[in-house]
């Protein structure tokens, strides 16, 4: 069986990574220059793939640069963060487990570290001191990457995915201040912070009342251009002995608004349905097939929304922009103008919409299509 040429739902490797030339260059320069970086974009736009591919390229070029890739999606407290953070740093900066154990004893000795290895080679770290003691003095952990970098004469890049999770920790602001107060003094370490909740990350890094305001370079990830997707899809088809014209490939990507996740999913479905040569009918059928697969998910989303929120989405789809006008409020039964702020906030928190200035956009192109064709 031919190798699947399109990947979605997971980070992509070098072979499947698409474009991002400018972003890769900028992120590479930031990593090499030890500039803290924040990546912001809607979910499923390829942030994780961009960071991981840049990290692997840099480490392949320079053995003196170590990159620690952390995901704190399931981390729910400061204590869990410390254990996850310390374990990740120790693992990323050691070439073998004996070195990792030695580093733990040298740099975290006051915390009485205990390292365990599970059958699947996963490493976990715990500490022999009580939480009260650790909470009073977290310096050894928060300075761990810097201390190891100085001692070993290396540079360390710490990349933390789903960083917005810290916003849900108990005493979150105090914890963020603690992180900032330590990390801003590191000269041999850079931090790359990103995640899937765009509106929460914007609040953390763009709000001048927040601890991480102006922490480093903020990169707003843009969509990959349509013609780039077209060339990528066409080549991947050709590499596997199938044909799709550039026009058809661009049409495929445009149907899902050049959304990285859905372009890859659409391209995969079209490739699977194509025996030798693609057609417009195959592309259209694939789009409907994906929409139908997702329909139950979309029904569930709608059922969780208030009526005014659904009405607001209808107004967006109909091209309305003056949402606070009496005509729009009345026609779409949105209630009083004061209610608009709550409606927008609720839809933003659910990652249903994005707001830039006065422009409101439904983020998920397949959900948008389902609303137009099936719901409304």
Protein backbone atom coordinates (compact mmCIF):
# COMPACT_ATOMS: atom_id res chain seq x y z
CA UNK A 1 0.00 0.00 0.00
CA UNK A 2 1.22 3.49 -0.86
CA UNK A 3 2.42 5.66 2.01
CA UNK A 4 -0.17 8.20 3.15
CA UNK A 5 1.04 11.58 1.78
CA UNK A 6 -1.05 13.84 4.00
CA UNK A 7 -1.00 14.13 7.80
CA UNK A 8 -3.55 15.81 10.07
CA UNK A 9 -4.40 15.63 13.76
CA UNK A 10 -0.74 15.42 14.81
CA UNK A 11 2.42 17.45 14.41
CA UNK A 12 4.08 16.95 11.03
CA UNK A 13 7.66 15.92 10.32
CA UNK A 14 10.09 17.46 7.83
CA UNK A 15 8.62 15.56 4.88
CA UNK A 16 5.04 16.68 5.53
CA UNK A 17 5.79 20.17 6.81
CA UNK A 18 4.34 22.83 4.51
CA UNK A 19 5.86 26.24 3.75
CA UNK A 20 6.22 28.46 6.85
CA UNK A 21 9.52 29.66 5.39
CA UNK A 22 9.33 33.15 6.90
CA UNK A 23 8.04 31.92 10.25
CA UNK A 24 10.68 29.19 10.43
CA UNK A 25 13.43 31.69 9.64
CA UNK A 26 12.20 34.14 12.28
CA UNK A 27 11.77 31.46 14.93
CA UNK A 28 15.18 29.98 14.12
CA UNK A 29 16.79 33.38 14.53
CA UNK A 30 14.98 33.92 17.84
CA UNK A 31 16.12 30.54 19.13
CA UNK A 32 19.72 31.11 18.10
CA UNK A 33 19.68 34.61 19.60
CA UNK A 34 17.93 33.42 22.77
CA UNK A 35 14.97 35.73 22.25
CA UNK A 36 11.83 34.75 24.14
CA UNK A 37 8.99 34.09 21.72
CA UNK A 38 5.22 33.82 21.95
CA UNK A 39 3.30 32.14 19.12
CA UNK A 40 -0.35 33.14 18.78
CA UNK A 41 -2.91 31.84 16.29
CA UNK A 42 -6.21 29.95 16.29
CA UNK A 43 -5.95 26.25 17.06
CA UNK A 44 -4.98 23.73 14.40
CA UNK A 45 -2.98 26.25 12.41
CA UNK A 46 0.31 24.40 12.83
CA UNK A 47 2.04 26.05 15.80
CA UNK A 48 3.26 22.77 17.28
CA UNK A 49 4.60 21.53 13.94
CA UNK A 50 6.41 24.84 13.37
CA UNK A 51 8.09 24.73 16.80
CA UNK A 52 9.02 21.04 16.64
CA UNK A 53 10.46 21.24 13.14
CA UNK A 54 12.46 24.36 13.99
CA UNK A 55 13.73 22.69 17.16
CA UNK A 56 14.89 19.55 15.35
CA UNK A 57 16.63 21.57 12.64
CA UNK A 58 18.53 23.68 15.16
CA UNK A 59 19.65 20.73 17.27
CA UNK A 60 20.82 18.92 14.13
CA UNK A 61 22.93 21.94 13.20
CA UNK A 62 24.38 22.70 16.64
CA UNK A 63 24.99 20.13 19.38
CA UNK A 64 25.44 22.94 21.90
CA UNK A 65 21.76 23.87 21.64
CA UNK A 66 19.25 21.72 23.53
CA UNK A 67 15.51 22.13 23.06
CA UNK A 68 13.02 21.03 25.71
CA UNK A 69 9.51 20.43 24.32
CA UNK A 70 6.80 20.47 27.00
CA UNK A 71 3.03 20.15 26.78
CA UNK A 72 1.16 21.26 29.91
CA UNK A 73 -2.38 20.62 28.66
CA UNK A 74 -3.04 18.16 31.52
CA UNK A 75 -1.13 20.14 34.15
CA UNK A 76 -3.58 21.65 36.60
CA UNK A 77 -1.53 23.11 39.45
CA UNK A 78 1.75 24.78 40.35
CA UNK A 79 3.03 21.59 41.99
CA UNK A 80 2.32 19.53 38.84
CA UNK A 81 4.00 22.20 36.73
CA UNK A 82 7.21 22.02 38.76
CA UNK A 83 7.42 18.25 38.40
CA UNK A 84 6.63 18.33 34.68
CA UNK A 85 8.99 21.24 34.06
CA UNK A 86 11.92 19.75 35.99
CA UNK A 87 11.48 16.34 34.38
CA UNK A 88 11.41 17.86 30.89
CA UNK A 89 14.51 20.01 31.45
CA UNK A 90 16.51 17.11 32.91
CA UNK A 91 15.55 14.82 30.05
CA UNK A 92 16.28 17.38 27.31
CA UNK A 93 19.73 18.33 28.63
CA UNK A 94 21.08 14.80 29.23
CA UNK A 95 22.30 12.28 26.67
CA UNK A 96 21.66 9.22 28.85
CA UNK A 97 19.65 8.41 31.96
CA UNK A 98 22.74 8.25 34.20
CA UNK A 99 23.54 11.84 33.28
CA UNK A 100 19.96 12.86 33.97
CA UNK A 101 20.07 11.33 37.45
CA UNK A 102 23.42 13.01 38.14
CA UNK A 103 22.03 16.39 37.05
CA UNK A 104 19.00 15.98 39.31
CA UNK A 105 21.24 15.29 42.28
CA UNK A 106 23.56 18.19 41.46
CA UNK A 107 21.06 20.92 40.63
CA UNK A 108 18.02 19.89 42.71
CA UNK A 109 19.68 18.30 45.72
CA UNK A 110 17.81 20.48 48.24
CA UNK A 111 14.50 19.13 46.93
CA UNK A 112 15.50 15.46 47.34
CA UNK A 113 14.53 14.49 43.77
CA UNK A 114 13.33 10.97 42.95
CA UNK A 115 13.37 9.78 39.33
CA UNK A 116 11.38 6.78 38.15
CA UNK A 117 11.23 5.08 34.76
CA UNK A 118 8.08 3.36 33.50
CA UNK A 119 8.12 0.33 31.17
CA UNK A 120 7.42 2.60 28.17
CA UNK A 121 10.57 4.62 28.97
CA UNK A 122 8.63 7.60 30.27
CA UNK A 123 10.46 9.52 32.97
CA UNK A 124 8.78 10.94 36.05
CA UNK A 125 10.24 13.05 38.81
CA UNK A 126 8.96 13.68 42.31
CA UNK A 127 10.43 15.48 45.27
CA UNK A 128 11.10 14.33 48.81
CA UNK A 129 10.33 17.70 50.38
CA UNK A 130 6.80 18.82 51.22
CA UNK A 131 4.78 21.14 48.99
CA UNK A 132 4.89 23.97 51.53
CA UNK A 133 8.67 23.93 51.47
CA UNK A 134 8.85 23.78 47.68
CA UNK A 135 6.31 26.59 47.30
CA UNK A 136 8.44 28.87 49.49
CA UNK A 137 11.58 28.25 47.48
CA UNK A 138 11.00 27.22 43.84
CA UNK A 139 14.23 28.88 42.67
CA UNK A 140 16.10 25.64 41.97
CA UNK A 141 13.37 24.42 39.62
CA UNK A 142 12.58 27.69 37.84
CA UNK A 143 16.32 28.36 37.37
CA UNK A 144 17.10 24.75 36.45
CA UNK A 145 17.52 25.30 32.70
CA UNK A 146 19.78 28.33 33.26
CA UNK A 147 21.90 26.57 35.88
CA UNK A 148 22.43 23.51 33.67
CA UNK A 149 23.18 25.71 30.63
CA UNK A 150 25.84 27.67 32.52
CA UNK A 151 27.43 24.55 34.01
CA UNK A 152 27.57 22.62 30.72
CA UNK A 153 28.29 25.65 28.51
CA UNK A 154 25.24 25.05 26.34
CA UNK A 155 22.15 26.99 25.35
CA UNK A 156 18.66 25.75 26.17
CA UNK A 157 15.36 26.55 24.46
CA UNK A 158 12.31 25.71 26.57
CA UNK A 159 9.14 25.37 24.46
CA UNK A 160 5.87 25.12 26.39
CA UNK A 161 2.73 24.13 24.50
CA UNK A 162 -0.74 24.90 25.91
CA UNK A 163 0.81 27.64 28.05
CA UNK A 164 -2.60 29.22 28.56
CA UNK A 165 -3.24 26.42 31.07
CA UNK A 166 -1.36 28.43 33.70
CA UNK A 167 -4.27 30.86 33.61
CA UNK A 168 -6.43 28.21 35.29
CA UNK A 169 -4.01 27.47 38.15
CA UNK A 170 -4.99 28.51 41.68
CA UNK A 171 -3.40 31.94 42.36
CA UNK A 172 -2.54 32.13 38.67
CA UNK A 173 -1.35 35.74 38.64
CA UNK A 174 1.01 35.13 41.55
CA UNK A 175 2.42 32.09 39.77
CA UNK A 176 2.87 34.00 36.50
CA UNK A 177 4.75 36.73 38.37
CA UNK A 178 6.97 34.06 39.87
CA UNK A 179 7.78 32.62 36.44
CA UNK A 180 8.49 36.02 34.93
CA UNK A 181 10.66 37.15 37.84
CA UNK A 182 12.95 34.15 37.33
CA UNK A 183 12.94 33.68 33.56
CA UNK A 184 13.62 37.32 32.67
CA UNK A 185 17.09 37.02 34.23
CA UNK A 186 18.17 33.98 32.21
CA UNK A 187 20.91 34.70 29.68
CA UNK A 188 21.58 31.18 28.39
CA UNK A 189 17.96 30.11 28.02
CA UNK A 190 15.08 31.26 25.80
CA UNK A 191 11.42 30.43 26.28
CA UNK A 192 8.91 29.79 23.50
CA UNK A 193 5.34 29.87 24.78
CA UNK A 194 2.27 28.97 22.74
CA UNK A 195 -1.05 27.15 22.88
CA UNK A 196 -4.48 26.51 21.42
CA UNK A 197 -6.54 29.19 23.18
CA UNK A 198 -5.80 32.32 21.21
CA UNK A 199 -7.94 34.71 23.25
CA UNK A 200 -6.39 33.54 26.54
CA UNK A 201 -2.85 33.87 25.19
CA UNK A 202 -3.63 37.36 23.94
CA UNK A 203 -4.74 38.32 27.43
CA UNK A 204 -1.61 36.83 29.02
CA UNK A 205 0.88 38.46 26.64
CA UNK A 206 -0.84 41.57 25.26
CA UNK A 207 -2.51 42.92 28.38
CA UNK A 208 -0.24 45.49 30.02
CA UNK A 209 -1.55 44.57 33.45
CA UNK A 210 -0.37 40.95 33.13
CA UNK A 211 3.05 39.67 34.29
CA UNK A 212 4.07 38.36 30.86
CA UNK A 213 3.35 41.62 29.03
CA UNK A 214 6.29 42.35 26.66
CA UNK A 215 8.05 39.15 27.66
CA UNK A 216 9.50 38.74 24.17
CA UNK A 217 8.78 38.62 20.46
CA UNK A 218 5.11 37.93 19.66
CA UNK A 219 4.53 36.07 16.41
CA UNK A 220 1.00 36.00 15.01
CA UNK A 221 0.82 32.94 12.78
CA UNK A 222 -1.01 33.54 9.50
CA UNK A 223 -2.71 31.06 7.20
CA UNK A 224 -0.59 29.42 4.52
CA UNK A 225 -1.34 31.05 1.15
CA UNK A 226 -3.61 29.25 -1.30
CA UNK A 227 -1.04 28.92 -4.10
CA UNK A 228 1.45 27.36 -1.67
CA UNK A 229 -1.10 24.76 -0.63
CA UNK A 230 -1.84 24.10 -4.29
CA UNK A 231 1.78 23.39 -5.14
CA UNK A 232 2.22 21.22 -2.02
CA UNK A 233 -0.86 19.09 -2.72
CA UNK A 234 0.00 18.67 -6.40
CA UNK A 235 3.52 17.49 -5.57
CA UNK A 236 2.35 15.04 -2.90
CA UNK A 237 -0.07 13.50 -5.40
CA UNK A 238 2.68 13.22 -8.01
CA UNK A 239 5.09 11.68 -5.49
CA UNK A 240 2.62 8.81 -5.02
CA UNK A 241 1.83 8.28 -8.70
CA UNK A 242 -1.49 10.14 -8.79
CA UNK A 243 -2.52 13.31 -10.61
CA UNK A 244 -4.26 16.49 -9.50
CA UNK A 245 -4.05 19.76 -11.40
CA UNK A 246 -2.78 22.91 -9.70
CA UNK A 247 -6.19 24.48 -10.24
CA UNK A 248 -7.92 21.55 -8.52
CA UNK A 249 -5.41 21.56 -5.65
CA UNK A 250 -5.95 25.26 -5.03
CA UNK A 251 -9.72 24.76 -5.25
CA UNK A 252 -9.45 21.99 -2.62
CA UNK A 253 -7.61 24.27 -0.20
CA UNK A 254 -9.90 27.21 -0.85
CA UNK A 255 -13.00 25.16 0.02
CA UNK A 256 -11.79 24.93 3.62
CA UNK A 257 -10.47 28.49 3.72
CA UNK A 258 -6.82 27.32 3.63
CA UNK A 259 -7.20 26.02 7.17
CA UNK A 260 -4.07 23.82 7.72
CA UNK A 261 -5.82 20.98 9.56
CA UNK A 262 -8.72 20.74 7.13
CA UNK A 263 -6.56 21.16 4.02
CA UNK A 264 -4.54 18.11 5.08
CA UNK A 265 -7.70 16.16 5.94
CA UNK A 266 -9.39 17.11 2.67
CA UNK A 267 -6.30 16.29 0.66
CA UNK A 268 -6.06 12.90 2.36
CA UNK A 269 -9.68 12.06 1.59
CA UNK A 270 -9.36 13.23 -2.00
CA UNK A 271 -6.16 11.20 -2.43
CA UNK A 272 -7.84 8.08 -1.04
CA UNK A 273 -10.77 8.46 -3.47
CA UNK A 274 -8.53 9.12 -6.47
CA UNK A 275 -7.40 6.02 -8.37
CA UNK A 276 -5.19 7.75 -10.92
CA UNK A 277 -6.48 11.24 -11.71
CA UNK A 278 -8.48 13.62 -9.51
CA UNK A 279 -11.67 15.41 -10.53
CA UNK A 280 -13.74 18.28 -9.15
CA UNK A 281 -16.50 15.80 -8.28
CA UNK A 282 -14.11 13.83 -6.08
CA UNK A 283 -13.13 17.00 -4.25
CA UNK A 284 -16.74 18.09 -3.71
CA UNK A 285 -17.75 14.62 -2.51
CA UNK A 286 -14.83 14.57 -0.08
CA UNK A 287 -15.91 17.91 1.38
CA UNK A 288 -19.45 16.66 1.95
CA UNK A 289 -18.11 13.43 3.43
CA UNK A 290 -16.02 15.25 6.03
CA UNK A 291 -18.89 17.60 6.85
CA UNK A 292 -21.23 14.66 7.38
CA UNK A 293 -18.69 12.91 9.62
CA UNK A 294 -18.48 16.01 11.80
CA UNK A 295 -22.21 16.76 11.90
CA UNK A 296 -22.85 15.05 15.25
CA UNK A 297 -20.00 17.03 16.79
CA UNK A 298 -21.45 20.25 15.42
CA UNK A 299 -24.93 19.37 16.72
CA UNK A 300 -23.38 18.96 20.16
CA UNK A 301 -21.75 22.39 19.90
CA UNK A 302 -25.02 24.03 18.93
CA UNK A 303 -26.89 22.35 21.78
CA UNK A 304 -24.47 23.91 24.25
CA UNK A 305 -25.11 27.44 22.95
CA UNK A 306 -27.70 29.93 24.07
CA UNK A 307 -30.26 31.02 21.49
CA UNK A 308 -28.76 34.52 21.32
CA UNK A 309 -25.33 33.02 20.56
CA UNK A 310 -26.79 30.99 17.68
CA UNK A 311 -28.59 34.07 16.40
CA UNK A 312 -25.33 36.01 16.55
CA UNK A 313 -23.63 33.39 14.37
CA UNK A 314 -26.44 33.74 11.85
CA UNK A 315 -25.85 37.49 11.77
CA UNK A 316 -22.14 36.90 11.15
CA UNK A 317 -22.89 34.49 8.30
CA UNK A 318 -25.25 37.03 6.75
CA UNK A 319 -22.44 39.58 6.65
CA UNK A 320 -23.71 41.89 9.37
CA UNK A 321 -21.13 44.19 10.96
CA UNK A 322 -23.15 46.74 12.93
CA UNK A 323 -24.25 44.29 15.60
CA UNK A 324 -25.24 46.96 18.10
CA UNK A 325 -27.63 48.71 15.70
CA UNK A 326 -31.29 48.49 16.64
CA UNK A 327 -32.12 46.88 13.31
CA UNK A 328 -29.65 43.99 13.76
CA UNK A 329 -30.54 43.53 17.43
CA UNK A 330 -34.22 43.26 16.51
CA UNK A 331 -33.88 41.17 13.33
CA UNK A 332 -31.69 38.56 15.00
CA UNK A 333 -33.29 38.72 18.46
CA UNK A 334 -30.01 39.45 20.22
CA UNK A 335 -31.55 41.28 23.15
CA UNK A 336 -30.24 44.60 24.42
CA UNK A 337 -26.97 45.98 23.06
CA UNK A 338 -25.37 45.42 26.48
CA UNK A 339 -25.87 41.69 25.93
CA UNK A 340 -23.54 41.67 22.91
CA UNK A 341 -20.41 41.70 25.07
CA UNK A 342 -21.54 38.53 26.88
CA UNK A 343 -22.43 36.81 23.60
CA UNK A 344 -19.05 37.57 22.05
CA UNK A 345 -17.15 36.60 25.21
CA UNK A 346 -18.94 33.25 25.39
CA UNK A 347 -18.25 32.42 21.74
CA UNK A 348 -14.63 33.54 22.07
CA UNK A 349 -14.07 31.33 25.11
CA UNK A 350 -15.42 28.35 23.16
CA UNK A 351 -13.07 29.17 20.25
CA UNK A 352 -16.10 29.46 17.95
CA UNK A 353 -15.29 32.95 16.70
CA UNK A 354 -12.33 35.26 16.39
CA UNK A 355 -12.55 39.04 16.59
CA UNK A 356 -10.02 41.39 15.04
CA UNK A 357 -11.13 44.99 15.26
CA UNK A 358 -14.71 45.07 13.98
CA UNK A 359 -14.30 41.87 11.97
CA UNK A 360 -15.93 38.75 13.41
CA UNK A 361 -15.02 35.40 11.86
CA UNK A 362 -16.22 31.86 12.49
CA UNK A 363 -12.97 29.96 13.02
CA UNK A 364 -13.89 26.44 11.93
CA UNK A 365 -14.59 26.43 8.15
CA UNK A 366 -16.34 23.04 8.32
CA UNK A 367 -18.61 24.24 11.14
CA UNK A 368 -19.32 27.35 9.07
CA UNK A 369 -20.22 25.21 6.06
CA UNK A 370 -22.47 22.99 8.18
CA UNK A 371 -24.27 26.03 9.60
CA UNK A 372 -24.92 27.40 6.10
CA UNK A 373 -25.89 24.18 4.37
CA UNK A 374 -27.52 22.10 7.10
CA UNK A 375 -28.50 24.17 10.12
CA UNK A 376 -29.76 27.53 8.95
